[in-house]
Amino acid sequence: MNFKIFAVGDDRPEYIAAMTAEEAIADHFTRIDDDYYGEEGPDVEEIPFNTVGMFETETGYKEMTFAEFLGNFTYTGPQLICWSE
């Protein structure tokens, strides 16, 4: 895969496909006010593709890896792929 997955945010992070953490943060800030986090900025963590989570599908929630969840996803630039609730 030609991108990485980043968890960006504090309590309920957004999971963003991007090439770099900086790109993921910039994408995150398209949905969040610049002053939301103060001077420190949001927490950012790279998430391995084999990390397992519960993902909402058309038939309900299913436990799978990020790689399985993404399936045939085509990366075209930084993009929000899911979030925590």
PDB file of N, CA and C in Angstrom:
ATOM      1  N   MET A   1       0.855  -1.178   0.000  1.00  0.00           N
ATOM      2  CA  MET A   1       0.000   0.000   0.000  1.00  0.00           C
ATOM      3  C   MET A   1       0.897   1.235   0.000  1.00  0.00           C
ATOM      4  N   ASN A   2       0.475   2.246  -0.709  1.00  0.00           N
ATOM      5  CA  ASN A   2       1.295   3.436  -0.854  1.00  0.00           C
ATOM      6  C   ASN A   2       0.892   4.553   0.111  1.00  0.00           C
ATOM      7  N   PHE A   3       0.296   4.203   1.237  1.00  0.00           N
ATOM      8  CA  PHE A   3      -0.109   5.172   2.249  1.00  0.00           C
ATOM      9  C   PHE A   3      -0.035   4.504   3.612  1.00  0.00           C
ATOM     10  N   LYS A   4      -0.216   5.295   4.654  1.00  0.00           N
ATOM     11  CA  LYS A   4      -0.246   4.802   6.033  1.00  0.00           C
ATOM     12  C   LYS A   4      -1.580   5.207   6.638  1.00  0.00           C
ATOM     13  N   ILE A   5      -1.882   4.642   7.791  1.00  0.00           N
ATOM     14  CA  ILE A   5      -3.076   5.016   8.535  1.00  0.00           C
ATOM     15  C   ILE A   5      -2.631   5.723   9.808  1.00  0.00           C
ATOM     16  N   PHE A   6      -3.239   6.870  10.077  1.00  0.00           N
ATOM     17  CA  PHE A   6      -2.909   7.633  11.274  1.00  0.00           C
ATOM     18  C   PHE A   6      -4.170   7.860  12.094  1.00  0.00           C
ATOM     19  N   ALA A   7      -4.060   7.650  13.416  1.00  0.00           N
ATOM     20  CA  ALA A   7      -5.108   8.035  14.351  1.00  0.00           C
ATOM     21  C   ALA A   7      -4.780   9.460  14.772  1.00  0.00           C
ATOM     22  N   VAL A   8      -5.690  10.380  14.502  1.00  0.00           N
ATOM     23  CA  VAL A   8      -5.451  11.793  14.800  1.00  0.00           C
ATOM     24  C   VAL A   8      -6.569  12.299  15.704  1.00  0.00           C
ATOM     25  N   GLY A   9      -6.195  12.832  16.851  1.00  0.00           N
ATOM     26  CA  GLY A   9      -7.173  13.363  17.802  1.00  0.00           C
ATOM     27  C   GLY A   9      -6.932  12.788  19.168  1.00  0.00           C
ATOM     28  N   ASP A  10      -7.711  13.224  20.122  1.00  0.00           N
ATOM     29  CA  ASP A  10      -7.495  12.829  21.502  1.00  0.00           C
ATOM     30  C   ASP A  10      -8.450  11.726  21.950  1.00  0.00           C
ATOM     31  N   ASP A  11      -9.607  12.076  22.448  1.00  0.00           N
ATOM     32  CA  ASP A  11     -10.527  11.084  23.012  1.00  0.00           C
ATOM     33  C   ASP A  11     -11.148  10.154  21.980  1.00  0.00           C
ATOM     34  N   ARG A  12     -11.565  10.706  20.879  1.00  0.00           N
ATOM     35  CA  ARG A  12     -12.219   9.935  19.809  1.00  0.00           C
ATOM     36  C   ARG A  12     -11.507  10.238  18.497  1.00  0.00           C
ATOM     37  N   PRO A  13     -10.395   9.550  18.246  1.00  0.00           N
ATOM     38  CA  PRO A  13      -9.594   9.913  17.067  1.00  0.00           C
ATOM     39  C   PRO A  13     -10.284   9.598  15.749  1.00  0.00           C
ATOM     40  N   GLU A  14      -9.876  10.358  14.747  1.00  0.00           N
ATOM     41  CA  GLU A  14     -10.216  10.052  13.367  1.00  0.00           C
ATOM     42  C   GLU A  14      -9.099   9.191  12.808  1.00  0.00           C
ATOM     43  N   TYR A  15      -9.425   8.246  11.945  1.00  0.00           N
ATOM     44  CA  TYR A  15      -8.429   7.413  11.276  1.00  0.00           C
ATOM     45  C   TYR A  15      -8.327   7.913   9.840  1.00  0.00           C
ATOM     46  N   ILE A  16      -7.134   8.371   9.494  1.00  0.00           N
ATOM     47  CA  ILE A  16      -6.934   9.063   8.231  1.00  0.00           C
ATOM     48  C   ILE A  16      -5.862   8.351   7.420  1.00  0.00           C
ATOM     49  N   ALA A  17      -6.159   8.067   6.158  1.00  0.00           N
ATOM     50  CA  ALA A  17      -5.167   7.531   5.226  1.00  0.00           C
ATOM     51  C   ALA A  17      -4.367   8.717   4.694  1.00  0.00           C
ATOM     52  N   ALA A  18      -3.038   8.642   4.819  1.00  0.00           N
ATOM     53  CA  ALA A  18      -2.170   9.724   4.350  1.00  0.00           C
ATOM     54  C   ALA A  18      -0.755   9.174   4.178  1.00  0.00           C
ATOM     55  N   MET A  19       0.067   9.918   3.468  1.00  0.00           N
ATOM     56  CA  MET A  19       1.465   9.520   3.287  1.00  0.00           C
ATOM     57  C   MET A  19       2.297   9.850   4.526  1.00  0.00           C
ATOM     58  N   THR A  20       1.964  10.972   5.195  1.00  0.00           N
ATOM     59  CA  THR A  20       2.721  11.417   6.365  1.00  0.00           C
ATOM     60  C   THR A  20       1.771  11.862   7.470  1.00  0.00           C
ATOM     61  N   ALA A  21       2.298  11.926   8.673  1.00  0.00           N
ATOM     62  CA  ALA A  21       1.513  12.420   9.808  1.00  0.00           C
ATOM     63  C   ALA A  21       1.089  13.866   9.574  1.00  0.00           C
ATOM     64  N   GLU A  22       1.952  14.662   8.972  1.00  0.00           N
ATOM     65  CA  GLU A  22       1.632  16.065   8.704  1.00  0.00           C
ATOM     66  C   GLU A  22       0.432  16.191   7.768  1.00  0.00           C
ATOM     67  N   GLU A  23       0.369  15.342   6.742  1.00  0.00           N
ATOM     68  CA  GLU A  23      -0.776  15.352   5.837  1.00  0.00           C
ATOM     69  C   GLU A  23      -2.055  14.942   6.572  1.00  0.00           C
ATOM     70  N   ALA A  24      -1.940  13.953   7.453  1.00  0.00           N
ATOM     71  CA  ALA A  24      -3.103  13.496   8.217  1.00  0.00           C
ATOM     72  C   ALA A  24      -3.614  14.598   9.138  1.00  0.00           C
ATOM     73  N   ILE A  25      -2.700  15.313   9.785  1.00  0.00           N
ATOM     74  CA  ILE A  25      -3.095  16.412  10.664  1.00  0.00           C
ATOM     75  C   ILE A  25      -3.777  17.515   9.854  1.00  0.00           C
ATOM     76  N   ALA A  26      -3.213  17.860   8.703  1.00  0.00           N
ATOM     77  CA  ALA A  26      -3.804  18.899   7.860  1.00  0.00           C
ATOM     78  C   ALA A  26      -5.218  18.501   7.432  1.00  0.00           C
ATOM     79  N   ASP A  27      -5.419  17.235   7.070  1.00  0.00           N
ATOM     80  CA  ASP A  27      -6.750  16.758   6.699  1.00  0.00           C
ATOM     81  C   ASP A  27      -7.699  16.857   7.892  1.00  0.00           C
ATOM     82  N   HIS A  28      -7.230  16.453   9.062  1.00  0.00           N
ATOM     83  CA  HIS A  28      -8.018  16.520  10.296  1.00  0.00           C
ATOM     84  C   HIS A  28      -8.498  17.953  10.551  1.00  0.00           C
ATOM     85  N   PHE A  29      -7.611  18.924  10.344  1.00  0.00           N
ATOM     86  CA  PHE A  29      -7.957  20.315  10.608  1.00  0.00           C
ATOM     87  C   PHE A  29      -8.933  20.893   9.588  1.00  0.00           C
ATOM     88  N   THR A  30      -9.241  20.169   8.519  1.00  0.00           N
ATOM     89  CA  THR A  30     -10.296  20.640   7.619  1.00  0.00           C
ATOM     90  C   THR A  30     -11.669  20.453   8.261  1.00  0.00           C
ATOM     91  N   ARG A  31     -11.738  19.634   9.318  1.00  0.00           N
ATOM     92  CA  ARG A  31     -12.995  19.367  10.019  1.00  0.00           C
ATOM     93  C   ARG A  31     -13.012  19.912  11.445  1.00  0.00           C
ATOM     94  N   ILE A  32     -11.867  20.379  11.963  1.00  0.00           N
ATOM     95  CA  ILE A  32     -11.727  20.825  13.359  1.00  0.00           C
ATOM     96  C   ILE A  32     -11.205  22.257  13.372  1.00  0.00           C
ATOM     97  N   ASP A  33     -11.668  23.061  14.294  1.00  0.00           N
ATOM     98  CA  ASP A  33     -11.142  24.419  14.441  1.00  0.00           C
ATOM     99  C   ASP A  33      -9.663  24.383  14.796  1.00  0.00           C
ATOM    100  N   ASP A  34      -8.888  25.288  14.212  1.00  0.00           N
ATOM    101  CA  ASP A  34      -7.442  25.339  14.443  1.00  0.00           C
ATOM    102  C   ASP A  34      -7.079  25.497  15.916  1.00  0.00           C
ATOM    103  N   ASP A  35      -7.912  26.169  16.700  1.00  0.00           N
ATOM    104  CA  ASP A  35      -7.586  26.404  18.107  1.00  0.00           C
ATOM    105  C   ASP A  35      -8.181  25.355  19.051  1.00  0.00           C
ATOM    106  N   TYR A  36      -8.762  24.289  18.518  1.00  0.00           N
ATOM    107  CA  TYR A  36      -9.408  23.257  19.336  1.00  0.00           C
ATOM    108  C   TYR A  36      -8.443  22.621  20.326  1.00  0.00           C
ATOM    109  N   TYR A  37      -7.208  22.350  19.921  1.00  0.00           N
ATOM    110  CA  TYR A  37      -6.247  21.637  20.752  1.00  0.00           C
ATOM    111  C   TYR A  37      -5.288  22.546  21.521  1.00  0.00           C
ATOM    112  N   GLY A  38      -5.280  23.813  21.242  1.00  0.00           N
ATOM    113  CA  GLY A  38      -4.305  24.690  21.882  1.00  0.00           C
ATOM    114  C   GLY A  38      -2.954  24.559  21.195  1.00  0.00           C
ATOM    115  N   GLU A  39      -1.903  24.877  21.895  1.00  0.00           N
ATOM    116  CA  GLU A  39      -0.560  24.902  21.303  1.00  0.00           C
ATOM    117  C   GLU A  39       0.014  23.522  21.004  1.00  0.00           C
ATOM    118  N   GLU A  40      -0.382  22.497  21.752  1.00  0.00           N
ATOM    119  CA  GLU A  40       0.201  21.168  21.562  1.00  0.00           C
ATOM    120  C   GLU A  40      -0.248  20.480  20.284  1.00  0.00           C
ATOM    121  N   GLY A  41      -1.445  20.757  19.835  1.00  0.00           N
ATOM    122  CA  GLY A  41      -1.978  20.075  18.665  1.00  0.00           C
ATOM    123  C   GLY A  41      -2.526  18.703  19.031  1.00  0.00           C
ATOM    124  N   PRO A  42      -3.093  17.990  18.066  1.00  0.00           N
ATOM    125  CA  PRO A  42      -3.711  16.693  18.343  1.00  0.00           C
ATOM    126  C   PRO A  42      -2.668  15.586  18.525  1.00  0.00           C
ATOM    127  N   ASP A  43      -3.066  14.536  19.242  1.00  0.00           N
ATOM    128  CA  ASP A  43      -2.241  13.329  19.308  1.00  0.00           C
ATOM    129  C   ASP A  43      -2.276  12.666  17.937  1.00  0.00           C
ATOM    130  N   VAL A  44      -1.138  12.090  17.518  1.00  0.00           N
ATOM    131  CA  VAL A  44      -1.058  11.393  16.233  1.00  0.00           C
ATOM    132  C   VAL A  44      -0.311  10.088  16.450  1.00  0.00           C
ATOM    133  N   GLU A  45      -0.872   8.999  15.924  1.00  0.00           N
ATOM    134  CA  GLU A  45      -0.242   7.679  16.044  1.00  0.00           C
ATOM    135  C   GLU A  45      -0.415   6.930  14.731  1.00  0.00           C
ATOM    136  N   GLU A  46       0.677   6.338  14.241  1.00  0.00           N
ATOM    137  CA  GLU A  46       0.570   5.497  13.048  1.00  0.00           C
ATOM    138  C   GLU A  46      -0.014   4.151  13.462  1.00  0.00           C
ATOM    139  N   ILE A  47      -0.995   3.683  12.706  1.00  0.00           N
ATOM    140  CA  ILE A  47      -1.705   2.445  13.008  1.00  0.00           C
ATOM    141  C   ILE A  47      -1.303   1.372  11.991  1.00  0.00           C
ATOM    142  N   PRO A  48      -0.778   0.234  12.452  1.00  0.00           N
ATOM    143  CA  PRO A  48      -0.440  -0.846  11.514  1.00  0.00           C
ATOM    144  C   PRO A  48      -1.694  -1.381  10.810  1.00  0.00           C
ATOM    145  N   PHE A  49      -1.547  -1.785   9.585  1.00  0.00           N
ATOM    146  CA  PHE A  49      -2.670  -2.307   8.793  1.00  0.00           C
ATOM    147  C   PHE A  49      -3.264  -3.578   9.397  1.00  0.00           C
ATOM    148  N   ASN A  50      -2.478  -4.313  10.194  1.00  0.00           N
ATOM    149  CA  ASN A  50      -2.995  -5.552  10.786  1.00  0.00           C
ATOM    150  C   ASN A  50      -3.666  -5.328  12.142  1.00  0.00           C
ATOM    151  N   THR A  51      -3.870  -4.067  12.540  1.00  0.00           N
ATOM    152  CA  THR A  51      -4.582  -3.756  13.778  1.00  0.00           C
ATOM    153  C   THR A  51      -6.048  -4.135  13.623  1.00  0.00           C
ATOM    154  N   VAL A  52      -6.577  -4.840  14.614  1.00  0.00           N
ATOM    155  CA  VAL A  52      -7.968  -5.304  14.585  1.00  0.00           C
ATOM    156  C   VAL A  52      -8.860  -4.286  15.280  1.00  0.00           C
ATOM    157  N   GLY A  53     -10.024  -4.067  14.711  1.00  0.00           N
ATOM    158  CA  GLY A  53     -11.017  -3.174  15.304  1.00  0.00           C
ATOM    159  C   GLY A  53     -12.412  -3.627  14.946  1.00  0.00           C
ATOM    160  N   MET A  54     -13.397  -2.952  15.518  1.00  0.00           N
ATOM    161  CA  MET A  54     -14.798  -3.212  15.185  1.00  0.00           C
ATOM    162  C   MET A  54     -15.224  -2.140  14.188  1.00  0.00           C
ATOM    163  N   PHE A  55     -15.616  -2.574  13.005  1.00  0.00           N
ATOM    164  CA  PHE A  55     -15.975  -1.658  11.936  1.00  0.00           C
ATOM    165  C   PHE A  55     -17.436  -1.847  11.565  1.00  0.00           C
ATOM    166  N   GLU A  56     -18.120  -0.741  11.309  1.00  0.00           N
ATOM    167  CA  GLU A  56     -19.513  -0.802  10.887  1.00  0.00           C
ATOM    168  C   GLU A  56     -19.566  -1.149   9.405  1.00  0.00           C
ATOM    169  N   THR A  57     -20.337  -2.169   9.077  1.00  0.00           N
ATOM    170  CA  THR A  57     -20.522  -2.593   7.690  1.00  0.00           C
ATOM    171  C   THR A  57     -22.005  -2.463   7.342  1.00  0.00           C
ATOM    172  N   GLU A  58     -22.360  -2.795   6.135  1.00  0.00           N
ATOM    173  CA  GLU A  58     -23.762  -2.732   5.714  1.00  0.00           C
ATOM    174  C   GLU A  58     -24.635  -3.715   6.486  1.00  0.00           C
ATOM    175  N   THR A  59     -24.035  -4.764   7.049  1.00  0.00           N
ATOM    176  CA  THR A  59     -24.800  -5.781   7.775  1.00  0.00           C
ATOM    177  C   THR A  59     -24.589  -5.717   9.283  1.00  0.00           C
ATOM    178  N   GLY A  60     -24.008  -4.652   9.780  1.00  0.00           N
ATOM    179  CA  GLY A  60     -23.756  -4.511  11.219  1.00  0.00           C
ATOM    180  C   GLY A  60     -22.269  -4.377  11.493  1.00  0.00           C
ATOM    181  N   TYR A  61     -21.900  -4.446  12.745  1.00  0.00           N
ATOM    182  CA  TYR A  61     -20.492  -4.321  13.127  1.00  0.00           C
ATOM    183  C   TYR A  61     -19.767  -5.644  12.954  1.00  0.00           C
ATOM    184  N   LYS A  62     -18.509  -5.549  12.529  1.00  0.00           N
ATOM    185  CA  LYS A  62     -17.715  -6.744  12.281  1.00  0.00           C
ATOM    186  C   LYS A  62     -16.275  -6.486  12.735  1.00  0.00           C
ATOM    187  N   GLU A  63     -15.696  -7.472  13.407  1.00  0.00           N
ATOM    188  CA  GLU A  63     -14.298  -7.378  13.812  1.00  0.00           C
ATOM    189  C   GLU A  63     -13.418  -7.768  12.625  1.00  0.00           C
ATOM    190  N   MET A  64     -12.486  -6.872  12.267  1.00  0.00           N
ATOM    191  CA  MET A  64     -11.573  -7.141  11.157  1.00  0.00           C
ATOM    192  C   MET A  64     -10.357  -6.222  11.284  1.00  0.00           C
ATOM    193  N   THR A  65      -9.354  -6.481  10.477  1.00  0.00           N
ATOM    194  CA  THR A  65      -8.178  -5.618  10.465  1.00  0.00           C
ATOM    195  C   THR A  65      -8.460  -4.382   9.605  1.00  0.00           C
ATOM    196  N   PHE A  66      -7.624  -3.361   9.768  1.00  0.00           N
ATOM    197  CA  PHE A  66      -7.760  -2.185   8.908  1.00  0.00           C
ATOM    198  C   PHE A  66      -7.579  -2.578   7.447  1.00  0.00           C
ATOM    199  N   ALA A  67      -6.660  -3.493   7.155  1.00  0.00           N
ATOM    200  CA  ALA A  67      -6.443  -3.940   5.775  1.00  0.00           C
ATOM    201  C   ALA A  67      -7.708  -4.579   5.214  1.00  0.00           C
ATOM    202  N   GLU A  68      -8.372  -5.423   6.000  1.00  0.00           N
ATOM    203  CA  GLU A  68      -9.618  -6.045   5.550  1.00  0.00           C
ATOM    204  C   GLU A  68     -10.704  -4.990   5.357  1.00  0.00           C
ATOM    205  N   PHE A  69     -10.790  -4.053   6.291  1.00  0.00           N
ATOM    206  CA  PHE A  69     -11.787  -2.986   6.210  1.00  0.00           C
ATOM    207  C   PHE A  69     -11.598  -2.158   4.947  1.00  0.00           C
ATOM    208  N   LEU A  70     -10.349  -1.856   4.622  1.00  0.00           N
ATOM    209  CA  LEU A  70     -10.069  -1.021   3.452  1.00  0.00           C
ATOM    210  C   LEU A  70     -10.290  -1.757   2.136  1.00  0.00           C
ATOM    211  N   GLY A  71     -10.119  -3.078   2.146  1.00  0.00           N
ATOM    212  CA  GLY A  71     -10.366  -3.872   0.946  1.00  0.00           C
ATOM    213  C   GLY A  71      -9.658  -3.333  -0.277  1.00  0.00           C
ATOM    214  N   ASN A  72     -10.406  -2.908  -1.275  1.00  0.00           N
ATOM    215  CA  ASN A  72      -9.856  -2.395  -2.534  1.00  0.00           C
ATOM    216  C   ASN A  72      -9.740  -0.875  -2.554  1.00  0.00           C
ATOM    217  N   PHE A  73      -9.583  -0.259  -1.390  1.00  0.00           N
ATOM    218  CA  PHE A  73      -9.447   1.191  -1.265  1.00  0.00           C
ATOM    219  C   PHE A  73      -8.328   1.692  -2.167  1.00  0.00           C
ATOM    220  N   THR A  74      -8.595   2.754  -2.899  1.00  0.00           N
ATOM    221  CA  THR A  74      -7.590   3.386  -3.751  1.00  0.00           C
ATOM    222  C   THR A  74      -7.215   4.726  -3.139  1.00  0.00           C
ATOM    223  N   TYR A  75      -5.962   4.872  -2.807  1.00  0.00           N
ATOM    224  CA  TYR A  75      -5.478   6.108  -2.193  1.00  0.00           C
ATOM    225  C   TYR A  75      -5.309   7.185  -3.254  1.00  0.00           C
ATOM    226  N   THR A  76      -5.965   8.319  -3.039  1.00  0.00           N
ATOM    227  CA  THR A  76      -5.856   9.442  -3.971  1.00  0.00           C
ATOM    228  C   THR A  76      -5.437  10.726  -3.264  1.00  0.00           C
ATOM    229  N   GLY A  77      -5.079  10.608  -1.995  1.00  0.00           N
ATOM    230  CA  GLY A  77      -4.699  11.755  -1.179  1.00  0.00           C
ATOM    231  C   GLY A  77      -5.229  11.561   0.224  1.00  0.00           C
ATOM    232  N   PRO A  78      -4.823  12.410   1.153  1.00  0.00           N
ATOM    233  CA  PRO A  78      -5.284  12.268   2.536  1.00  0.00           C
ATOM    234  C   PRO A  78      -6.803  12.203   2.616  1.00  0.00           C
ATOM    235  N   GLN A  79      -7.277  11.235   3.410  1.00  0.00           N
ATOM    236  CA  GLN A  79      -8.731  11.022   3.453  1.00  0.00           C
ATOM    237  C   GLN A  79      -9.124  10.370   4.770  1.00  0.00           C
ATOM    238  N   LEU A  80     -10.183  10.863   5.364  1.00  0.00           N
ATOM    239  CA  LEU A  80     -10.785  10.248   6.545  1.00  0.00           C
ATOM    240  C   LEU A  80     -11.384   8.904   6.137  1.00  0.00           C
ATOM    241  N   ILE A  81     -11.004   7.829   6.834  1.00  0.00           N
ATOM    242  CA  ILE A  81     -11.557   6.518   6.484  1.00  0.00           C
ATOM    243  C   ILE A  81     -12.532   6.001   7.536  1.00  0.00           C
ATOM    244  N   CYS A  82     -12.366   6.415   8.799  1.00  0.00           N
ATOM    245  CA  CYS A  82     -13.308   6.042   9.849  1.00  0.00           C
ATOM    246  C   CYS A  82     -12.947   6.824  11.113  1.00  0.00           C
ATOM    247  N   TRP A  83     -13.733   6.650  12.167  1.00  0.00           N
ATOM    248  CA  TRP A  83     -13.465   7.343  13.416  1.00  0.00           C
ATOM    249  C   TRP A  83     -13.956   6.489  14.563  1.00  0.00           C
ATOM    250  N   SER A  84     -13.539   6.850  15.773  1.00  0.00           N
ATOM    251  CA  SER A  84     -13.982   6.153  16.994  1.00  0.00           C
ATOM    252  C   SER A  84     -15.156   6.883  17.599  1.00  0.00           C
ATOM    253  N   GLU A  85     -16.092   6.120  18.121  1.00  0.00           N
ATOM    254  CA  GLU A  85     -17.238   6.726  18.800  1.00  0.00           C
ATOM    255  C   GLU A  85     -17.226   6.340  20.255  1.00  0.00           C
TER     256      GLU A  85
END
